[in-house]
Amino acid sequence: MTVADARREKARIGELRELLRRADVAYYVDNRPFLADSEYDRLLKELAGIEARHPDLDDPNSPTRRVGGAASEGFETAAHRVPMRSIDNSYDEADVRAWYARCAEGLAAAGVLGGDGELALVCDPKVDGVAIGLRYEQGELVSAVTRGDGERGDVVTANVRAIRAVPLRLEAAGGRVPGILEVRGEIFMPDASFGRINRERADAGEPLFANPRNSTAGTLKSLDPEVVRSRGLRFLAHGLGETSEPLDAGRTWSGSLSALSRLGIPTSPDGVRVEGVDVALAAIASFDARRRTMGFAVDGMVVRLDRLDFQETLGSTAKSPRWCIAFKYPPDQGRTRLRQVEWQVGKGGTLTPRATMDPVPLAGTVVRHATLHNIEEIRRRDIRLGDLVIVEKAGEIIPQVVQPVVEE
């Protein structure tokens, strides 16, 4: 590498760290994302590659070294007894195969895997919501803490207790209840609720939520649990934190899921246990054909090793577990020409822009109109009449103008 190339890469590190930091604040704190998930992941991967070539520029506060997010103002925060790490994302089969090979190699090197047998895996739909840790003591819900930065999160117990999908007391008749059980999962908003809330916000002249995930985050920030109760949030378990005893005698994740269901905790009915990476990829492809019929936003599939002892052997990096990976489906996007912007006036006098475009097929429908959110977003993205723009269905529901095609 030449001196000039090294200088360029070092400058790029600074640019990427700042861009991703702003994206984290916009997504996790302000609930107004400006980068698509796929673009964020691409930039994060680029940053990680450059940092690997320049270890002298290591920074513990780099976006590659943490989960992302921040605790909200107005809420008490609490530390996670077990860190809530994020999951590495993948957008192609080759990444999933490479992850599977790394798992097999790591287990073989540790002396716990021999022969050419296939590894047992569990594939679970990746719900696009807000990660939460529910702590039960002696079967009673005592706290609910958001992911936050992975080490600390917001205590939103009062709001979560208002969500009917979250059990306040575990079903002892369903099996032995551990003295301490932290269930991790996703709080999310069904499509029907999301559409209703955005219609109400439009009528009131308030900015629309960009997607169900942001609507969920905004709801959990409410200081009125009654607002939370009225919005029909749901919960599905996808992991465990601190537990005083194993849920499954066989120490498998599939067995733990069954035990959680018996205790009255919602789990996904679409999770499947498979043998080997080929069958896992087939399950991912099969689920893609019906994920839009789920009634809530699903943006991928999480694939993990089923055996808990294998998970413990492989452990985690500072950011992510080595024993699982998330395959993310590409968003439904299209290109079209922006022809007109209509300004709708809400009850409070707030102006909300609505784009009229050349018809474009998107997620099984033909789209002619999309939200532009507000005037600040139009200015920040430099969207102009006549632009060729990228349109995306947020949460597979509401079309939104993502950005202009600058090269055009």
Protein backbone atom coordinates (compact mmCIF):
# COMPACT_ATOMS: atom_id res chain seq x y z
CA MET A 1 0.00 0.00 0.00
CA THR A 2 1.39 3.39 -0.97
CA VAL A 3 1.68 6.28 1.49
CA ALA A 4 -1.04 8.13 -0.43
CA ASP A 5 -3.38 5.12 -0.23
CA ALA A 6 -2.76 4.83 3.50
CA ARG A 7 -3.59 8.51 3.99
CA ARG A 8 -6.82 8.12 2.01
CA GLU A 9 -7.87 5.08 4.03
CA LYS A 10 -7.14 6.83 7.33
CA ALA A 11 -9.26 9.79 6.24
CA ARG A 12 -12.01 7.38 5.17
CA ILE A 13 -12.03 5.82 8.64
CA GLY A 14 -12.92 9.20 10.14
CA GLU A 15 -15.64 9.81 7.55
CA LEU A 16 -17.25 6.41 8.07
CA ARG A 17 -17.15 6.57 11.86
CA GLU A 18 -18.86 9.95 11.86
CA LEU A 19 -21.48 8.93 9.26
CA LEU A 20 -22.34 5.73 11.11
CA ARG A 21 -22.42 7.55 14.44
CA ARG A 22 -24.98 10.00 13.03
CA ALA A 23 -26.95 7.10 11.56
CA ASP A 24 -27.03 5.40 14.98
CA VAL A 25 -28.37 8.54 16.64
CA ALA A 26 -30.97 9.02 13.90
CA TYR A 27 -32.14 5.40 14.10
CA TYR A 28 -31.96 4.58 17.81
CA VAL A 29 -32.43 7.95 19.50
CA ASP A 30 -34.32 10.22 17.08
CA ASN A 31 -36.31 7.43 15.38
CA ARG A 32 -35.68 9.14 12.02
CA PRO A 33 -33.31 6.89 10.06
CA PHE A 34 -31.62 8.21 6.94
CA LEU A 35 -29.71 5.08 5.87
CA ALA A 36 -31.33 1.87 4.66
CA ASP A 37 -30.24 -1.18 6.70
CA SER A 38 -28.41 -2.66 3.72
CA GLU A 39 -26.45 0.56 3.17
CA TYR A 40 -25.58 0.85 6.86
CA ASP A 41 -24.29 -2.73 6.91
CA ARG A 42 -22.26 -2.15 3.75
CA LEU A 43 -20.58 0.93 5.25
CA LEU A 44 -19.96 -0.87 8.55
CA LYS A 45 -18.32 -3.74 6.69
CA GLU A 46 -16.17 -1.27 4.74
CA LEU A 47 -15.09 0.41 7.97
CA ALA A 48 -14.22 -2.92 9.61
CA GLY A 49 -12.05 -3.86 6.63
CA ILE A 50 -10.12 -0.60 6.71
CA GLU A 51 -9.68 -0.74 10.50
CA ALA A 52 -8.24 -4.25 10.18
CA ARG A 53 -5.53 -2.82 7.92
CA HIS A 54 -4.78 0.03 10.35
CA PRO A 55 -4.69 -1.40 13.89
CA ASP A 56 -2.81 1.72 15.02
CA LEU A 57 -6.07 3.65 14.58
CA ASP A 58 -8.06 1.37 16.89
CA ASP A 59 -10.82 3.22 18.73
CA PRO A 60 -12.98 1.57 21.42
CA ASN A 61 -15.80 3.93 20.44
CA SER A 62 -15.83 2.93 16.79
CA PRO A 63 -19.22 1.78 15.45
CA THR A 64 -17.60 -1.60 14.75
CA ARG A 65 -16.91 -2.08 18.46
CA ARG A 66 -20.37 -1.65 19.84
CA VAL A 67 -23.96 -2.70 19.26
CA GLY A 68 -25.30 0.82 18.71
CA GLY A 69 -27.99 2.89 20.32
CA ALA A 70 -28.31 4.99 23.45
CA ALA A 71 -30.60 5.18 26.43
CA SER A 72 -33.49 7.62 26.05
CA GLU A 73 -33.86 10.74 28.16
CA GLY A 74 -36.66 10.50 30.70
CA PHE A 75 -36.05 6.85 31.57
CA GLU A 76 -33.93 5.22 34.23
CA THR A 77 -31.21 2.98 32.81
CA ALA A 78 -29.95 -0.40 33.98
CA ALA A 79 -27.00 -2.62 33.15
CA HIS A 80 -27.57 -5.94 31.41
CA ARG A 81 -26.30 -8.84 33.54
CA VAL A 82 -25.34 -10.53 30.27
CA PRO A 83 -24.50 -8.11 27.40
CA MET A 84 -27.12 -7.91 24.63
CA ARG A 85 -24.92 -8.31 21.58
CA SER A 86 -26.11 -7.74 18.04
CA ILE A 87 -26.04 -10.39 15.32
CA ASP A 88 -23.81 -10.20 12.26
CA ASN A 89 -25.85 -9.58 9.11
CA SER A 90 -25.48 -11.28 5.75
CA TYR A 91 -27.12 -10.63 2.40
CA ASP A 92 -25.98 -13.63 0.37
CA GLU A 93 -25.68 -17.40 0.65
CA ALA A 94 -21.89 -17.36 0.47
CA ASP A 95 -21.71 -15.49 3.79
CA VAL A 96 -23.96 -18.06 5.47
CA ARG A 97 -21.85 -20.93 4.11
CA ALA A 98 -18.65 -19.21 5.30
CA TRP A 99 -20.18 -18.72 8.77
CA TYR A 100 -21.17 -22.41 8.90
CA ALA A 101 -17.64 -23.45 7.93
CA ARG A 102 -16.16 -21.21 10.65
CA CYS A 103 -18.46 -22.80 13.23
CA ALA A 104 -17.43 -26.32 12.19
CA GLU A 105 -13.75 -25.40 12.18
CA GLY A 106 -13.98 -23.71 15.58
CA LEU A 107 -15.74 -26.68 17.16
CA ALA A 108 -13.29 -29.14 15.60
CA ALA A 109 -10.34 -27.09 16.87
CA ALA A 110 -11.86 -27.15 20.36
CA GLY A 111 -12.09 -30.94 20.17
CA VAL A 112 -15.87 -31.12 20.58
CA LEU A 113 -16.78 -32.00 16.99
CA GLY A 114 -15.52 -34.92 14.97
CA GLY A 115 -16.39 -36.56 11.68
CA ASP A 116 -18.27 -35.13 8.73
CA GLY A 117 -21.75 -34.94 10.25
CA GLU A 118 -23.95 -31.91 9.68
CA LEU A 119 -24.50 -29.38 12.47
CA ALA A 120 -28.03 -28.98 13.82
CA LEU A 121 -29.31 -25.43 13.25
CA VAL A 122 -32.43 -23.46 14.13
CA CYS A 123 -33.82 -20.94 11.61
CA ASP A 124 -36.11 -18.25 13.06
CA PRO A 125 -37.81 -15.31 11.31
CA LYS A 126 -36.03 -12.04 12.16
CA VAL A 127 -38.76 -9.70 13.36
CA ASP A 128 -38.07 -6.00 12.74
CA GLY A 129 -38.85 -4.53 16.14
CA VAL A 130 -37.20 -3.35 19.36
CA ALA A 131 -34.98 -5.78 21.27
CA ILE A 132 -35.94 -6.20 24.93
CA GLY A 133 -34.85 -8.21 27.94
CA LEU A 134 -37.66 -9.43 30.25
CA ARG A 135 -36.45 -10.48 33.69
CA TYR A 136 -38.56 -12.92 35.68
CA GLU A 137 -37.84 -13.77 39.30
CA GLN A 138 -39.76 -16.66 40.86
CA GLY A 139 -41.99 -16.53 37.79
CA GLU A 140 -42.93 -12.84 38.17
CA LEU A 141 -42.00 -10.11 35.67
CA VAL A 142 -39.78 -7.67 37.59
CA SER A 143 -38.14 -5.59 34.85
CA ALA A 144 -38.00 -4.90 31.13
CA VAL A 145 -34.90 -3.25 29.68
CA THR A 146 -34.27 -2.25 26.07
CA ARG A 147 -31.02 -3.15 24.29
CA GLY A 148 -29.66 0.41 24.50
CA ASP A 149 -25.93 0.23 23.74
CA GLY A 150 -25.76 -3.48 24.56
CA GLU A 151 -24.34 -2.87 28.03
CA ARG A 152 -27.07 -0.60 29.43
CA GLY A 153 -30.60 0.12 28.29
CA ASP A 154 -33.79 1.97 29.22
CA VAL A 155 -35.96 0.53 31.96
CA VAL A 156 -39.42 0.44 30.36
CA THR A 157 -41.08 -1.98 32.75
CA ALA A 158 -44.28 0.04 33.22
CA ASN A 159 -44.81 0.31 29.47
CA VAL A 160 -44.02 -3.33 28.77
CA ARG A 161 -46.44 -4.44 31.47
CA ALA A 162 -49.14 -2.74 29.37
CA ILE A 163 -48.42 -5.06 26.41
CA ARG A 164 -50.83 -7.94 26.56
CA ALA A 165 -48.53 -10.28 24.68
CA VAL A 166 -45.99 -10.13 27.53
CA PRO A 167 -46.93 -12.48 30.41
CA LEU A 168 -46.72 -10.89 33.86
CA ARG A 169 -46.52 -14.30 35.52
CA LEU A 170 -45.14 -17.48 34.01
CA GLU A 171 -47.26 -20.61 33.71
CA ALA A 172 -45.90 -22.87 36.45
CA ALA A 173 -48.12 -25.68 35.19
CA GLY A 174 -46.16 -25.60 31.95
CA GLY A 175 -43.00 -26.83 33.63
CA ARG A 176 -40.44 -25.90 36.25
CA VAL A 177 -39.97 -22.12 36.46
CA PRO A 178 -36.34 -21.05 37.09
CA GLY A 179 -35.78 -18.70 40.01
CA ILE A 180 -34.19 -16.24 37.58
CA LEU A 181 -35.10 -16.20 33.91
CA GLU A 182 -34.28 -13.40 31.50
CA VAL A 183 -36.11 -13.82 28.23
CA ARG A 184 -34.89 -11.79 25.29
CA GLY A 185 -36.98 -11.04 22.28
CA GLU A 186 -38.54 -8.49 20.01
CA ILE A 187 -41.38 -6.09 20.73
CA PHE A 188 -43.02 -5.13 17.45
CA MET A 189 -46.07 -3.52 15.92
CA PRO A 190 -48.44 -5.45 13.61
CA ASP A 191 -49.06 -3.97 10.17
CA ALA A 192 -52.68 -3.13 10.97
CA SER A 193 -51.71 -1.10 14.03
CA PHE A 194 -48.93 0.65 12.13
CA GLY A 195 -51.29 1.72 9.35
CA ARG A 196 -53.89 2.95 11.84
CA ILE A 197 -51.37 4.99 13.85
CA ASN A 198 -49.91 6.66 10.78
CA ARG A 199 -53.41 7.57 9.58
CA GLU A 200 -54.08 9.14 12.96
CA ARG A 201 -50.77 11.03 12.83
CA ALA A 202 -51.51 12.29 9.31
CA ASP A 203 -54.94 13.53 10.43
CA ALA A 204 -53.30 15.33 13.34
CA GLY A 205 -50.65 16.88 11.09
CA GLU A 206 -47.84 14.95 12.79
CA PRO A 207 -44.85 13.42 10.93
CA LEU A 208 -45.44 9.81 9.91
CA PHE A 209 -43.41 7.02 11.45
CA ALA A 210 -40.94 5.69 8.87
CA ASN A 211 -41.60 2.02 9.61
CA PRO A 212 -43.13 -0.28 12.26
CA ARG A 213 -39.83 -0.56 14.10
CA ASN A 214 -39.62 3.20 14.63
CA SER A 215 -43.28 3.32 15.57
CA THR A 216 -42.60 0.66 18.21
CA ALA A 217 -39.59 2.55 19.56
CA GLY A 218 -41.62 5.76 19.77
CA THR A 219 -44.40 3.94 21.59
CA LEU A 220 -42.04 2.47 24.18
CA LYS A 221 -40.70 5.98 24.83
CA SER A 222 -44.19 7.18 25.75
CA LEU A 223 -44.55 8.34 29.34
CA ASP A 224 -48.14 7.07 29.34
CA PRO A 225 -48.57 3.28 29.52
CA GLU A 226 -52.14 3.74 28.28
CA VAL A 227 -50.73 4.85 24.91
CA VAL A 228 -48.68 1.66 24.82
CA ARG A 229 -51.72 -0.47 25.67
CA SER A 230 -53.78 1.09 22.88
CA ARG A 231 -51.24 0.39 20.15
CA GLY A 232 -51.44 -3.39 20.14
CA LEU A 233 -47.72 -4.17 20.44
CA ARG A 234 -46.65 -7.80 20.43
CA PHE A 235 -43.67 -9.81 21.64
CA LEU A 236 -41.79 -12.89 20.42
CA ALA A 237 -38.90 -14.50 22.31
CA HIS A 238 -35.63 -15.09 20.45
CA GLY A 239 -33.00 -15.63 23.14
CA LEU A 240 -32.01 -15.90 26.78
CA GLY A 241 -29.98 -13.74 29.13
CA GLU A 242 -29.24 -14.66 32.74
CA THR A 243 -30.91 -17.88 33.90
CA SER A 244 -30.48 -19.73 37.17
CA GLU A 245 -30.93 -23.14 35.54
CA PRO A 246 -31.26 -24.62 32.04
CA LEU A 247 -34.73 -24.70 30.50
CA ASP A 248 -34.03 -27.83 28.45
CA ALA A 249 -32.42 -30.96 29.86
CA GLY A 250 -30.90 -31.65 26.46
CA ARG A 251 -29.41 -28.15 26.41
CA THR A 252 -30.62 -27.18 22.95
CA TRP A 253 -32.15 -23.94 21.72
CA SER A 254 -35.04 -25.77 20.06
CA GLY A 255 -35.79 -27.46 23.37
CA SER A 256 -35.53 -24.14 25.19
CA LEU A 257 -38.04 -22.61 22.79
CA SER A 258 -40.50 -25.38 23.55
CA ALA A 259 -39.95 -24.83 27.28
CA LEU A 260 -40.57 -21.08 26.90
CA SER A 261 -43.84 -21.78 25.08
CA ARG A 262 -44.93 -24.06 27.89
CA LEU A 263 -44.25 -21.27 30.37
CA GLY A 264 -46.62 -19.01 28.43
CA ILE A 265 -44.00 -16.93 26.61
CA PRO A 266 -44.74 -16.22 22.91
CA THR A 267 -42.30 -17.77 20.44
CA SER A 268 -42.38 -17.86 16.67
CA PRO A 269 -44.35 -20.75 15.18
CA ASP A 270 -42.24 -20.43 12.05
CA GLY A 271 -38.90 -21.44 13.56
CA VAL A 272 -37.53 -24.71 12.17
CA ARG A 273 -34.73 -27.07 13.24
CA VAL A 274 -32.63 -28.32 10.33
CA GLU A 275 -29.48 -30.35 9.72
CA GLY A 276 -26.75 -28.63 7.73
CA VAL A 277 -26.32 -25.38 5.86
CA ASP A 278 -27.97 -26.53 2.62
CA VAL A 279 -31.26 -27.26 4.36
CA ALA A 280 -30.99 -23.95 6.26
CA LEU A 281 -30.61 -22.02 3.01
CA ALA A 282 -33.58 -23.86 1.55
CA ALA A 283 -35.65 -22.84 4.60
CA ILE A 284 -34.57 -19.21 4.13
CA ALA A 285 -35.62 -19.27 0.46
CA SER A 286 -38.92 -20.96 1.27
CA PHE A 287 -39.82 -18.43 3.95
CA ASP A 288 -39.09 -15.50 1.62
CA ALA A 289 -42.09 -16.49 -0.48
CA ARG A 290 -44.53 -15.99 2.41
CA ARG A 291 -42.94 -13.48 4.80
CA ARG A 292 -45.12 -10.63 3.49
CA THR A 293 -48.22 -12.50 4.66
CA MET A 294 -47.13 -12.57 8.31
CA GLY A 295 -48.99 -9.41 9.30
CA PHE A 296 -45.85 -7.78 10.73
CA ALA A 297 -42.42 -6.75 9.47
CA VAL A 298 -39.92 -9.59 9.00
CA ASP A 299 -36.64 -8.59 7.39
CA GLY A 300 -34.65 -11.83 7.53
CA MET A 301 -33.95 -15.18 9.15
CA VAL A 302 -31.65 -15.83 12.10
CA VAL A 303 -29.65 -19.05 11.82
CA ARG A 304 -28.00 -20.40 14.98
CA LEU A 305 -26.39 -23.56 16.30
CA ASP A 306 -28.98 -25.61 18.16
CA ARG A 307 -26.69 -27.07 20.84
CA LEU A 308 -26.11 -24.64 23.70
CA ASP A 309 -22.76 -26.21 24.62
CA PHE A 310 -21.56 -25.54 21.06
CA GLN A 311 -22.68 -21.92 21.46
CA GLU A 312 -20.71 -21.62 24.69
CA THR A 313 -17.62 -23.16 23.07
CA LEU A 314 -17.61 -20.65 20.22
CA GLY A 315 -18.48 -17.65 22.42
CA SER A 316 -18.69 -14.11 21.06
CA THR A 317 -16.63 -11.25 19.72
CA ALA A 318 -16.89 -7.83 21.38
CA LYS A 319 -19.92 -7.15 19.18
CA SER A 320 -21.58 -10.38 18.03
CA PRO A 321 -22.04 -14.07 18.90
CA ARG A 322 -19.99 -16.40 16.70
CA TRP A 323 -22.69 -19.08 16.80
CA CYS A 324 -25.41 -17.29 14.85
CA ILE A 325 -25.89 -15.14 11.78
CA ALA A 326 -28.80 -13.13 10.37
CA PHE A 327 -29.63 -13.49 6.69
CA LYS A 328 -31.46 -10.31 5.64
CA TYR A 329 -33.77 -10.21 2.65
CA PRO A 330 -33.16 -7.29 0.26
CA PRO A 331 -35.74 -4.49 0.59
CA ASP A 332 -38.34 -4.04 -2.12
CA GLN A 333 -37.12 -1.00 -4.03
CA GLY A 334 -37.82 0.55 -7.38
CA ARG A 335 -36.74 3.56 -9.43
CA THR A 336 -39.19 6.10 -10.76
CA ARG A 337 -39.50 9.78 -11.66
CA LEU A 338 -40.80 12.28 -9.08
CA ARG A 339 -43.45 14.39 -10.85
CA GLN A 340 -45.26 16.35 -8.15
CA VAL A 341 -45.38 17.04 -4.41
CA GLU A 342 -48.71 17.73 -2.69
CA TRP A 343 -48.78 19.35 0.73
CA GLN A 344 -51.37 17.98 3.12
CA VAL A 345 -52.38 20.18 6.06
CA GLY A 346 -52.97 18.45 9.39
CA LYS A 347 -55.31 19.57 12.16
CA GLY A 348 -52.47 21.40 13.89
CA GLY A 349 -51.44 23.20 10.72
CA THR A 350 -48.43 20.94 10.09
CA LEU A 351 -47.58 20.43 6.42
CA THR A 352 -46.88 16.86 5.28
CA PRO A 353 -45.47 16.26 1.76
CA ARG A 354 -46.85 13.48 -0.47
CA ALA A 355 -44.99 12.48 -3.62
CA THR A 356 -46.68 11.69 -6.94
CA MET A 357 -44.48 9.60 -9.23
CA ASP A 358 -44.53 7.61 -12.44
CA PRO A 359 -46.12 4.20 -11.64
CA VAL A 360 -43.59 1.64 -10.35
CA PRO A 361 -44.22 -2.03 -9.35
CA LEU A 362 -43.24 -2.63 -5.71
CA ALA A 363 -43.86 -5.65 -3.44
CA GLY A 364 -46.75 -6.92 -5.52
CA THR A 365 -48.51 -3.58 -6.07
CA VAL A 366 -48.17 -0.62 -8.43
CA VAL A 367 -47.13 2.49 -6.49
CA ARG A 368 -47.79 6.08 -7.59
CA HIS A 369 -47.66 7.90 -4.26
CA ALA A 370 -45.15 7.88 -1.40
CA THR A 371 -44.34 9.79 1.75
CA LEU A 372 -41.52 12.36 1.88
CA HIS A 373 -41.87 12.67 5.69
CA ASN A 374 -41.28 16.44 6.11
CA ILE A 375 -39.56 19.49 4.62
CA GLU A 376 -36.38 18.92 6.63
CA GLU A 377 -35.96 15.45 5.11
CA ILE A 378 -36.55 16.81 1.59
CA ARG A 379 -33.82 19.40 2.12
CA ARG A 380 -31.38 16.99 3.76
CA ARG A 381 -31.73 14.43 0.98
CA ASP A 382 -31.80 17.15 -1.71
CA ILE A 383 -34.90 15.70 -3.40
CA ARG A 384 -36.21 17.80 -6.32
CA LEU A 385 -39.06 17.64 -8.82
CA GLY A 386 -38.05 15.65 -11.88
CA ASP A 387 -35.45 13.59 -9.99
CA LEU A 388 -35.09 9.89 -10.62
CA VAL A 389 -35.69 8.55 -7.11
CA ILE A 390 -35.45 5.25 -5.23
CA VAL A 391 -38.75 4.22 -3.64
CA GLU A 392 -39.04 1.58 -0.93
CA LYS A 393 -41.89 0.04 1.00
CA ALA A 394 -41.16 0.71 4.67
CA GLY A 395 -42.00 -2.43 6.59
CA GLU A 396 -43.62 -3.73 3.39
CA ILE A 397 -46.48 -1.27 3.96
CA ILE A 398 -46.03 2.44 3.27
CA PRO A 399 -44.01 3.51 0.21
CA GLN A 400 -41.37 6.15 0.94
CA VAL A 401 -38.90 8.07 -1.19
CA VAL A 402 -35.49 6.93 0.04
CA GLN A 403 -33.15 9.14 -1.97
CA PRO A 404 -32.51 10.61 -5.41
CA VAL A 405 -30.32 8.72 -7.87
CA VAL A 406 -27.51 11.25 -7.76
CA GLU A 407 -25.57 9.85 -10.71
CA GLU A 408 -28.61 10.49 -12.91
